[in-house]
């Protein structure tokens, strides 16, 4: 088996996007398709949910969630997706921009009124381009406890401030 690359489950999700349209495919055809794609792309495991009209039509785990432990993937397996969600967030924001519901140059304090004062000049564009200067507090132990104490968050100086 070839080495596994980070983000492979996301590739499988993209391949499944075509299945989201109204289809009359039987469960075993979906299973066969998933298994074939996993073999072809060397994906060790995946979890799938097909939701139709607000109800789960199919939920299934395939392969392994952990190769080292030989732990099977289940329909409720939680995967670390890393930065994959950034693409979906950006696409969703751009859809809101196209609908004139959000502007890229709106400040985040327009939508997040409880944000620290120091963030008042940060725009949605800054967040999408990773140029806000907001530090990665998630990497700091007990970051949520710090956030709840309403301490002022520090930002990295912008190019203009340097």
Protein backbone atom coordinates (compact mmCIF):
# COMPACT_ATOMS: atom_id res chain seq x y z
CA UNK A 1 0.00 0.00 0.00
CA UNK A 2 1.30 3.47 -0.90
CA UNK A 3 1.94 6.05 1.84
CA UNK A 4 -1.12 7.94 3.00
CA UNK A 5 -1.21 11.68 2.46
CA UNK A 6 -2.95 14.08 4.82
CA UNK A 7 -6.26 15.15 3.42
CA UNK A 8 -7.17 11.89 1.68
CA UNK A 9 -10.59 11.70 3.35
CA UNK A 10 -11.25 15.18 1.94
CA UNK A 11 -10.47 13.90 -1.55
CA UNK A 12 -12.98 11.13 -1.04
CA UNK A 13 -15.54 13.66 0.12
CA UNK A 14 -14.94 15.68 -3.04
CA UNK A 15 -15.42 12.58 -5.15
CA UNK A 16 -18.69 11.91 -3.38
CA UNK A 17 -20.00 15.39 -4.08
CA UNK A 18 -21.50 14.07 -7.28
CA UNK A 19 -23.62 11.68 -5.23
CA UNK A 20 -25.35 14.58 -3.50
CA UNK A 21 -27.65 15.12 -6.48
CA UNK A 22 -30.91 13.19 -6.59
CA UNK A 23 -29.97 9.65 -7.53
CA UNK A 24 -31.46 6.23 -7.41
CA UNK A 25 -28.37 4.30 -6.39
CA UNK A 26 -28.63 1.31 -4.12
CA UNK A 27 -26.53 1.12 -0.96
CA UNK A 28 -24.33 -1.66 -2.30
CA UNK A 29 -23.49 0.46 -5.36
CA UNK A 30 -22.38 3.26 -3.05
CA UNK A 31 -20.36 0.79 -0.98
CA UNK A 32 -18.72 -0.57 -4.13
CA UNK A 33 -17.90 2.95 -5.33
CA UNK A 34 -16.41 4.00 -1.98
CA UNK A 35 -14.30 0.85 -1.70
CA UNK A 36 -13.04 1.22 -5.28
CA UNK A 37 -12.05 4.85 -4.69
CA UNK A 38 -10.33 3.95 -1.44
CA UNK A 39 -8.31 1.26 -3.21
CA UNK A 40 -7.43 3.51 -6.14
CA UNK A 41 -6.43 6.47 -3.95
CA UNK A 42 -4.84 4.37 -1.18
CA UNK A 43 -7.20 5.75 1.47
CA UNK A 44 -7.09 3.55 4.59
CA UNK A 45 -10.43 4.58 6.01
CA UNK A 46 -13.42 6.84 5.65
CA UNK A 47 -16.80 7.51 7.19
CA UNK A 48 -19.76 8.45 5.06
CA UNK A 49 -23.16 9.94 5.76
CA UNK A 50 -25.74 10.61 3.09
CA UNK A 51 -28.45 12.96 4.28
CA UNK A 52 -31.64 13.25 2.28
CA UNK A 53 -34.45 15.60 3.26
CA UNK A 54 -32.88 16.13 6.68
CA UNK A 55 -32.70 12.43 7.48
CA UNK A 56 -29.71 10.11 7.38
CA UNK A 57 -30.29 7.80 4.44
CA UNK A 58 -26.99 5.95 4.89
CA UNK A 59 -24.15 6.06 7.42
CA UNK A 60 -21.22 3.71 7.13
CA UNK A 61 -17.57 3.35 8.09
CA UNK A 62 -15.06 1.84 5.66
CA UNK A 63 -11.55 0.52 6.26
CA UNK A 64 -9.47 1.62 9.22
CA UNK A 65 -9.59 4.74 11.37
CA UNK A 66 -6.15 3.83 12.75
CA UNK A 67 -3.84 1.57 10.78
CA UNK A 68 -1.38 1.06 13.64
CA UNK A 69 -4.06 -0.17 16.01
CA UNK A 70 -6.11 -1.79 13.23
CA UNK A 71 -9.13 0.10 14.56
CA UNK A 72 -12.05 -0.02 12.16
CA UNK A 73 -13.62 3.15 10.83
CA UNK A 74 -17.20 3.51 12.01
CA UNK A 75 -20.04 5.72 10.87
CA UNK A 76 -19.37 7.97 13.88
CA UNK A 77 -15.55 8.02 13.71
CA UNK A 78 -14.15 11.51 14.26
CA UNK A 79 -11.21 12.43 12.01
CA UNK A 80 -8.65 15.18 12.40
CA UNK A 81 -9.22 17.20 9.25
CA UNK A 82 -6.59 19.85 9.91
CA UNK A 83 -6.86 22.78 7.54
CA UNK A 84 -9.27 21.13 5.14
CA UNK A 85 -12.20 23.09 6.57
CA UNK A 86 -10.57 26.37 5.52
CA UNK A 87 -11.54 25.75 1.89
CA UNK A 88 -15.17 25.15 2.78
CA UNK A 89 -15.26 28.18 5.05
CA UNK A 90 -13.81 30.39 2.31
CA UNK A 91 -16.31 29.05 -0.23
CA UNK A 92 -19.21 29.67 2.16
CA UNK A 93 -18.03 33.22 2.88
CA UNK A 94 -17.66 33.94 -0.84
CA UNK A 95 -21.23 32.71 -1.40
CA UNK A 96 -22.37 35.23 1.22
CA UNK A 97 -20.33 37.93 -0.55
CA UNK A 98 -22.02 37.08 -3.87
CA UNK A 99 -25.40 37.39 -2.15
CA UNK A 100 -24.37 40.83 -0.77
CA UNK A 101 -24.85 39.58 2.79
CA UNK A 102 -21.20 40.12 3.73
CA UNK A 103 -18.41 42.31 2.39
CA UNK A 104 -14.80 41.17 2.45
CA UNK A 105 -13.76 44.51 3.89
CA UNK A 106 -16.30 44.43 6.73
CA UNK A 107 -14.58 44.36 10.08
CA UNK A 108 -15.08 41.24 12.13
CA UNK A 109 -16.42 43.35 14.99
CA UNK A 110 -19.52 44.01 12.84
CA UNK A 111 -20.42 40.34 13.31
CA UNK A 112 -18.52 39.48 16.48
CA UNK A 113 -19.38 42.36 18.79
CA UNK A 114 -17.66 40.80 21.80
CA UNK A 115 -14.29 40.75 20.03
CA UNK A 116 -11.41 42.45 21.82
CA UNK A 117 -10.96 46.16 20.93
CA UNK A 118 -7.64 45.35 19.38
CA UNK A 119 -9.41 43.39 16.64
CA UNK A 120 -11.57 46.33 15.46
CA UNK A 121 -9.49 46.88 12.29
CA UNK A 122 -9.42 43.24 11.27
CA UNK A 123 -11.55 42.42 8.24
CA UNK A 124 -13.06 39.26 6.85
CA UNK A 125 -10.50 39.53 4.04
CA UNK A 126 -7.73 39.45 6.66
CA UNK A 127 -9.16 36.26 8.14
CA UNK A 128 -9.53 34.56 4.76
CA UNK A 129 -5.98 35.46 3.72
CA UNK A 130 -4.48 34.63 7.13
CA UNK A 131 -3.18 38.19 7.52
CA UNK A 132 -5.19 39.26 10.58
CA UNK A 133 -2.30 38.98 13.00
CA UNK A 134 -4.48 37.08 15.46
CA UNK A 135 -2.27 34.56 17.17
CA UNK A 136 -3.12 30.88 17.16
CA UNK A 137 -4.42 30.63 20.70
CA UNK A 138 -5.76 27.13 20.11
CA UNK A 139 -2.18 25.88 20.30
CA UNK A 140 -1.82 27.35 23.79
CA UNK A 141 -2.79 24.99 26.62
CA UNK A 142 -6.04 26.02 28.32
CA UNK A 143 -6.72 28.68 25.65
CA UNK A 144 -10.46 28.50 26.21
CA UNK A 145 -10.02 29.34 29.89
CA UNK A 146 -7.94 32.36 28.89
CA UNK A 147 -10.57 33.43 26.35
CA UNK A 148 -13.31 33.28 28.98
CA UNK A 149 -11.39 35.62 31.31
CA UNK A 150 -11.82 38.47 28.78
CA UNK A 151 -8.12 39.19 28.69
CA UNK A 152 -7.04 41.38 25.81
CA UNK A 153 -5.79 39.25 22.94
CA UNK A 154 -2.57 40.35 21.42
CA UNK A 155 -2.00 40.47 17.70
CA UNK A 156 1.12 40.26 15.64
CA UNK A 157 1.98 43.70 14.24
CA UNK A 158 0.82 44.24 10.67
CA UNK A 159 3.22 45.29 7.92
CA UNK A 160 1.95 48.86 8.26
CA UNK A 161 2.70 48.87 12.00
CA UNK A 162 6.24 47.61 11.44
